[in-house]
Amino acid sequence: MTTATTDSDGAADSNDGSGGDSTPRWLSDEEQRVWRTYLEATTLLEDHLDRQLQRDAGMPHIYYALLVRLAQAPRRRQRMTQLAMDVKITRSRLSHAIARLEQYGWVRREDCDSDKRGQNAFLTDEGNEVLKRSAPGHVSAVRQAIFDRLSPEQVEQLGEIMRVMAEGLQPEGTGADLPWRR
């Protein structure tokens, strides 16, 4: 977690981690308040969704996200590298998650027809059934946590804010060190 604060005299309370000679642009009091609220809300939201899925479906949120992506893919198959990109996780974490989903019988790995070096993940019929049973409770948890609390205007604003943030964090053609490249 990153914090950037100043004391009452404007002196830094923490290291900015930049390692450079330039003066850091410390967060204003309002920016600090928003940042901390964002961290609190996202931590609580992820915990809320994870607990709901663990309780109702016996799986963590990331497994549910993988099942959803595979269900939406043509023929319920997707190349592993693309799947890692879509769910924004490292290839190592994806490989571990897919191995666990294979143990459950919900996913199967297959060789890629177009590239013998690659592999596809395939959502099995059993995995698709688990997803169908899990989806109503999950969408209810998402609605309760987010959409039922916001006005239509706030939903639109939130969507725009998240889009701008996502675009800034995964810029095209920059070679940025993104999770699926690790």
C-alpha atoms as a PDB file:
ATOM      1  CA  MET A   1       0.000   0.000   0.000  1.00  0.00           C
ATOM      2  CA  THR A   2       1.309   3.430  -0.886  1.00  0.00           C
ATOM      3  CA  THR A   3       0.931   6.427   1.350  1.00  0.00           C
ATOM      4  CA  ALA A   4       2.215   9.867   0.682  1.00  0.00           C
ATOM      5  CA  THR A   5       1.761  12.275   3.525  1.00  0.00           C
ATOM      6  CA  THR A   6       3.275  15.435   4.828  1.00  0.00           C
ATOM      7  CA  ASP A   7       3.450  16.794   8.331  1.00  0.00           C
ATOM      8  CA  SER A   8       2.026  20.144   9.384  1.00  0.00           C
ATOM      9  CA  ASP A   9       5.154  21.925   8.084  1.00  0.00           C
ATOM     10  CA  GLY A  10       4.874  20.223   4.690  1.00  0.00           C
ATOM     11  CA  ALA A  11       7.829  17.904   5.335  1.00  0.00           C
ATOM     12  CA  ALA A  12       7.502  14.360   4.091  1.00  0.00           C
ATOM     13  CA  ASP A  13       6.480  11.689   6.595  1.00  0.00           C
ATOM     14  CA  SER A  14       7.353   8.814   4.268  1.00  0.00           C
ATOM     15  CA  ASN A  15       9.709   7.947   1.462  1.00  0.00           C
ATOM     16  CA  ASP A  16       8.232   8.447  -2.002  1.00  0.00           C
ATOM     17  CA  GLY A  17      10.272   5.571  -3.416  1.00  0.00           C
ATOM     18  CA  SER A  18      11.330   7.608  -6.446  1.00  0.00           C
ATOM     19  CA  GLY A  19      15.028   7.415  -5.643  1.00  0.00           C
ATOM     20  CA  GLY A  20      15.545  10.551  -7.765  1.00  0.00           C
ATOM     21  CA  ASP A  21      16.504  14.090  -6.993  1.00  0.00           C
ATOM     22  CA  SER A  22      13.194  15.589  -8.073  1.00  0.00           C
ATOM     23  CA  THR A  23      10.780  16.776  -5.434  1.00  0.00           C
ATOM     24  CA  PRO A  24       7.804  14.433  -5.111  1.00  0.00           C
ATOM     25  CA  ARG A  25       4.342  15.745  -5.840  1.00  0.00           C
ATOM     26  CA  TRP A  26       2.760  14.889  -2.484  1.00  0.00           C
ATOM     27  CA  LEU A  27      -0.951  14.255  -2.351  1.00  0.00           C
ATOM     28  CA  SER A  28      -3.088  17.090  -1.115  1.00  0.00           C
ATOM     29  CA  ASP A  29      -5.287  16.456   1.922  1.00  0.00           C
ATOM     30  CA  GLU A  30      -8.270  15.898  -0.384  1.00  0.00           C
ATOM     31  CA  GLU A  31      -6.303  13.558  -2.670  1.00  0.00           C
ATOM     32  CA  GLN A  32      -5.066  11.651   0.376  1.00  0.00           C
ATOM     33  CA  ARG A  33      -8.656  11.310   1.645  1.00  0.00           C
ATOM     34  CA  VAL A  34      -9.849  10.044  -1.762  1.00  0.00           C
ATOM     35  CA  TRP A  35      -6.889   7.658  -2.081  1.00  0.00           C
ATOM     36  CA  ARG A  36      -7.506   6.114   1.329  1.00  0.00           C
ATOM     37  CA  THR A  37     -11.231   5.839   0.658  1.00  0.00           C
ATOM     38  CA  TYR A  38     -10.477   4.151  -2.673  1.00  0.00           C
ATOM     39  CA  LEU A  39      -8.132   1.644  -0.985  1.00  0.00           C
ATOM     40  CA  GLU A  40     -10.674   0.911   1.729  1.00  0.00           C
ATOM     41  CA  ALA A  41     -13.547   0.475  -0.731  1.00  0.00           C
ATOM     42  CA  THR A  42     -11.649  -1.759  -3.154  1.00  0.00           C
ATOM     43  CA  THR A  43     -10.286  -3.928  -0.332  1.00  0.00           C
ATOM     44  CA  LEU A  44     -13.762  -4.298   1.179  1.00  0.00           C
ATOM     45  CA  LEU A  45     -15.346  -4.991  -2.217  1.00  0.00           C
ATOM     46  CA  GLU A  46     -12.858  -7.698  -3.162  1.00  0.00           C
ATOM     47  CA  ASP A  47     -13.249  -9.288   0.279  1.00  0.00           C
ATOM     48  CA  HIS A  48     -17.065  -9.119   0.021  1.00  0.00           C
ATOM     49  CA  LEU A  49     -17.103 -10.793  -3.402  1.00  0.00           C
ATOM     50  CA  ASP A  50     -14.499 -13.374  -2.421  1.00  0.00           C
ATOM     51  CA  ARG A  51     -16.404 -14.346   0.743  1.00  0.00           C
ATOM     52  CA  GLN A  52     -19.697 -14.628  -1.171  1.00  0.00           C
ATOM     53  CA  LEU A  53     -18.166 -16.904  -3.795  1.00  0.00           C
ATOM     54  CA  GLN A  54     -16.316 -19.007  -1.227  1.00  0.00           C
ATOM     55  CA  ARG A  55     -19.516 -19.433   0.793  1.00  0.00           C
ATOM     56  CA  ASP A  56     -21.884 -20.094  -2.109  1.00  0.00           C
ATOM     57  CA  ALA A  57     -19.649 -21.750  -4.704  1.00  0.00           C
ATOM     58  CA  GLY A  58     -16.513 -22.922  -2.878  1.00  0.00           C
ATOM     59  CA  MET A  59     -14.173 -20.853  -5.034  1.00  0.00           C
ATOM     60  CA  PRO A  60     -12.286 -17.570  -4.839  1.00  0.00           C
ATOM     61  CA  HIS A  61     -13.249 -14.603  -6.995  1.00  0.00           C
ATOM     62  CA  ILE A  62     -10.333 -15.125  -9.399  1.00  0.00           C
ATOM     63  CA  TYR A  63     -11.552 -18.663 -10.243  1.00  0.00           C
ATOM     64  CA  TYR A  64     -15.011 -17.297 -10.948  1.00  0.00           C
ATOM     65  CA  ALA A  65     -13.502 -14.643 -13.242  1.00  0.00           C
ATOM     66  CA  LEU A  66     -11.634 -17.344 -15.165  1.00  0.00           C
ATOM     67  CA  LEU A  67     -14.776 -19.458 -15.576  1.00  0.00           C
ATOM     68  CA  VAL A  68     -16.706 -16.411 -16.836  1.00  0.00           C
ATOM     69  CA  ARG A  69     -14.020 -15.567 -19.407  1.00  0.00           C
ATOM     70  CA  LEU A  70     -13.960 -19.138 -20.667  1.00  0.00           C
ATOM     71  CA  ALA A  71     -17.768 -19.302 -20.827  1.00  0.00           C
ATOM     72  CA  GLN A  72     -17.764 -16.187 -22.992  1.00  0.00           C
ATOM     73  CA  ALA A  73     -15.005 -17.413 -25.320  1.00  0.00           C
ATOM     74  CA  PRO A  74     -15.801 -19.117 -28.620  1.00  0.00           C
ATOM     75  CA  ARG A  75     -16.312 -22.852 -28.016  1.00  0.00           C
ATOM     76  CA  ARG A  76     -15.543 -22.163 -24.316  1.00  0.00           C
ATOM     77  CA  ARG A  77     -11.813 -22.159 -25.144  1.00  0.00           C
ATOM     78  CA  GLN A  78      -9.188 -19.499 -24.813  1.00  0.00           C
ATOM     79  CA  ARG A  79      -5.454 -19.435 -25.232  1.00  0.00           C
ATOM     80  CA  MET A  80      -3.742 -19.264 -21.850  1.00  0.00           C
ATOM     81  CA  THR A  81      -1.737 -16.122 -22.673  1.00  0.00           C
ATOM     82  CA  GLN A  82      -4.896 -14.277 -23.733  1.00  0.00           C
ATOM     83  CA  LEU A  83      -6.730 -15.480 -20.637  1.00  0.00           C
ATOM     84  CA  ALA A  84      -3.946 -14.078 -18.423  1.00  0.00           C
ATOM     85  CA  MET A  85      -4.233 -10.748 -20.268  1.00  0.00           C
ATOM     86  CA  ASP A  86      -8.009 -10.657 -19.920  1.00  0.00           C
ATOM     87  CA  VAL A  87      -8.058 -11.271 -16.170  1.00  0.00           C
ATOM     88  CA  LYS A  88      -4.916  -9.179 -15.556  1.00  0.00           C
ATOM     89  CA  ILE A  89      -2.851 -11.792 -13.737  1.00  0.00           C
ATOM     90  CA  THR A  90       0.610 -13.267 -14.127  1.00  0.00           C
ATOM     91  CA  ARG A  91       1.029 -16.367 -16.234  1.00  0.00           C
ATOM     92  CA  SER A  92       2.325 -18.176 -13.163  1.00  0.00           C
ATOM     93  CA  ARG A  93      -0.792 -17.317 -11.137  1.00  0.00           C
ATOM     94  CA  LEU A  94      -2.988 -18.341 -14.080  1.00  0.00           C
ATOM     95  CA  SER A  95      -1.189 -21.671 -14.418  1.00  0.00           C
ATOM     96  CA  HIS A  96      -1.694 -22.371 -10.702  1.00  0.00           C
ATOM     97  CA  ALA A  97      -5.389 -21.413 -10.866  1.00  0.00           C
ATOM     98  CA  ILE A  98      -6.015 -23.513 -13.986  1.00  0.00           C
ATOM     99  CA  ALA A  99      -4.291 -26.498 -12.330  1.00  0.00           C
ATOM    100  CA  ARG A 100      -6.691 -26.183  -9.386  1.00  0.00           C
ATOM    101  CA  LEU A 101      -9.700 -25.807 -11.699  1.00  0.00           C
ATOM    102  CA  GLU A 102      -8.528 -28.934 -13.547  1.00  0.00           C
ATOM    103  CA  GLN A 103      -8.478 -30.833 -10.239  1.00  0.00           C
ATOM    104  CA  TYR A 104     -12.111 -29.810  -9.712  1.00  0.00           C
ATOM    105  CA  GLY A 105     -12.959 -31.003 -13.233  1.00  0.00           C
ATOM    106  CA  TRP A 106     -14.162 -27.539 -14.230  1.00  0.00           C
ATOM    107  CA  VAL A 107     -11.431 -26.748 -16.773  1.00  0.00           C
ATOM    108  CA  ARG A 108      -9.184 -28.778 -19.033  1.00  0.00           C
ATOM    109  CA  ARG A 109      -5.977 -27.758 -20.794  1.00  0.00           C
ATOM    110  CA  GLU A 110      -5.613 -28.586 -24.453  1.00  0.00           C
ATOM    111  CA  ASP A 111      -2.831 -28.122 -26.970  1.00  0.00           C
ATOM    112  CA  CYS A 112      -3.382 -25.160 -29.265  1.00  0.00           C
ATOM    113  CA  ASP A 113      -4.210 -26.258 -32.818  1.00  0.00           C
ATOM    114  CA  SER A 114      -2.605 -23.207 -34.439  1.00  0.00           C
ATOM    115  CA  ASP A 115       0.576 -23.188 -32.312  1.00  0.00           C
ATOM    116  CA  LYS A 116       1.942 -26.383 -30.795  1.00  0.00           C
ATOM    117  CA  ARG A 117       3.848 -24.340 -28.175  1.00  0.00           C
ATOM    118  CA  GLY A 118       0.661 -22.811 -26.816  1.00  0.00           C
ATOM    119  CA  GLN A 119      -2.154 -24.194 -24.708  1.00  0.00           C
ATOM    120  CA  ASN A 120      -5.837 -23.443 -24.462  1.00  0.00           C
ATOM    121  CA  ALA A 121      -7.980 -23.609 -21.374  1.00  0.00           C
ATOM    122  CA  PHE A 122     -11.357 -25.254 -22.001  1.00  0.00           C
ATOM    123  CA  LEU A 123     -14.409 -24.868 -19.773  1.00  0.00           C
ATOM    124  CA  THR A 124     -15.912 -28.327 -19.209  1.00  0.00           C
ATOM    125  CA  ASP A 125     -19.642 -29.012 -18.975  1.00  0.00           C
ATOM    126  CA  GLU A 126     -19.224 -29.466 -15.219  1.00  0.00           C
ATOM    127  CA  GLY A 127     -17.431 -26.112 -14.955  1.00  0.00           C
ATOM    128  CA  ASN A 128     -20.165 -24.460 -16.996  1.00  0.00           C
ATOM    129  CA  GLU A 129     -22.797 -25.863 -14.632  1.00  0.00           C
ATOM    130  CA  VAL A 130     -20.892 -24.598 -11.597  1.00  0.00           C
ATOM    131  CA  LEU A 131     -20.757 -21.171 -13.214  1.00  0.00           C
ATOM    132  CA  LYS A 132     -24.501 -21.204 -13.961  1.00  0.00           C
ATOM    133  CA  ARG A 133     -25.267 -22.099 -10.333  1.00  0.00           C
ATOM    134  CA  SER A 134     -22.858 -19.460  -8.994  1.00  0.00           C
ATOM    135  CA  ALA A 135     -23.816 -16.544 -11.223  1.00  0.00           C
ATOM    136  CA  PRO A 136     -27.125 -15.505  -9.570  1.00  0.00           C
ATOM    137  CA  GLY A 137     -25.569 -15.138  -6.113  1.00  0.00           C
ATOM    138  CA  HIS A 138     -22.546 -13.352  -7.494  1.00  0.00           C
ATOM    139  CA  VAL A 139     -24.532 -10.828  -9.514  1.00  0.00           C
ATOM    140  CA  SER A 140     -26.681 -10.199  -6.453  1.00  0.00           C
ATOM    141  CA  ALA A 141     -23.551  -9.493  -4.381  1.00  0.00           C
ATOM    142  CA  VAL A 142     -22.208  -7.128  -7.058  1.00  0.00           C
ATOM    143  CA  ARG A 143     -25.542  -5.301  -7.305  1.00  0.00           C
ATOM    144  CA  GLN A 144     -25.818  -4.976  -3.521  1.00  0.00           C
ATOM    145  CA  ALA A 145     -22.243  -3.753  -3.143  1.00  0.00           C
ATOM    146  CA  ILE A 146     -22.120  -1.304  -6.062  1.00  0.00           C
ATOM    147  CA  PHE A 147     -25.038  -0.673  -8.383  1.00  0.00           C
ATOM    148  CA  ASP A 148     -27.885  -0.553  -5.852  1.00  0.00           C
ATOM    149  CA  ARG A 149     -25.963   2.149  -3.961  1.00  0.00           C
ATOM    150  CA  LEU A 150     -25.299   4.455  -6.932  1.00  0.00           C
ATOM    151  CA  SER A 151     -27.508   6.662  -9.071  1.00  0.00           C
ATOM    152  CA  PRO A 152     -27.439   6.101 -12.848  1.00  0.00           C
ATOM    153  CA  GLU A 153     -25.253   9.214 -13.138  1.00  0.00           C
ATOM    154  CA  GLN A 154     -22.801   7.862 -10.562  1.00  0.00           C
ATOM    155  CA  VAL A 155     -22.639   4.521 -12.390  1.00  0.00           C
ATOM    156  CA  GLU A 156     -21.778   6.369 -15.599  1.00  0.00           C
ATOM    157  CA  GLN A 157     -19.136   8.466 -13.795  1.00  0.00           C
ATOM    158  CA  LEU A 158     -17.635   5.412 -12.114  1.00  0.00           C
ATOM    159  CA  GLY A 159     -17.408   3.643 -15.469  1.00  0.00           C
ATOM    160  CA  GLU A 160     -15.644   6.589 -17.053  1.00  0.00           C
ATOM    161  CA  ILE A 161     -13.226   6.968 -14.135  1.00  0.00           C
ATOM    162  CA  MET A 162     -12.349   3.260 -14.185  1.00  0.00           C
ATOM    163  CA  ARG A 163     -11.857   3.339 -17.984  1.00  0.00           C
ATOM    164  CA  VAL A 164      -9.436   6.287 -17.734  1.00  0.00           C
ATOM    165  CA  MET A 165      -7.511   4.583 -14.929  1.00  0.00           C
ATOM    166  CA  ALA A 166      -7.300   1.264 -16.788  1.00  0.00           C
ATOM    167  CA  GLU A 167      -6.129   2.919 -20.000  1.00  0.00           C
ATOM    168  CA  GLY A 168      -3.420   4.789 -18.112  1.00  0.00           C
ATOM    169  CA  LEU A 169      -2.179   1.669 -16.375  1.00  0.00           C
ATOM    170  CA  GLN A 170      -1.950  -0.491 -19.499  1.00  0.00           C
ATOM    171  CA  PRO A 171      -0.770   1.866 -22.225  1.00  0.00           C
ATOM    172  CA  GLU A 172      -0.516   0.395 -25.697  1.00  0.00           C
ATOM    173  CA  GLY A 173       2.905  -0.236 -27.195  1.00  0.00           C
ATOM    174  CA  THR A 174       4.944   0.924 -24.192  1.00  0.00           C
ATOM    175  CA  GLY A 175       6.319  -2.437 -23.147  1.00  0.00           C
ATOM    176  CA  ALA A 176       5.005  -1.741 -19.654  1.00  0.00           C
ATOM    177  CA  ASP A 177       5.641  -4.483 -17.092  1.00  0.00           C
ATOM    178  CA  LEU A 178       2.072  -5.729 -16.964  1.00  0.00           C
ATOM    179  CA  PRO A 179       1.101  -8.843 -14.959  1.00  0.00           C
ATOM    180  CA  TRP A 180       0.543 -11.175 -17.913  1.00  0.00           C
ATOM    181  CA  ARG A 181       4.016 -10.364 -19.239  1.00  0.00           C
ATOM    182  CA  ARG A 182       5.645 -11.657 -16.059  1.00  0.00           C
END
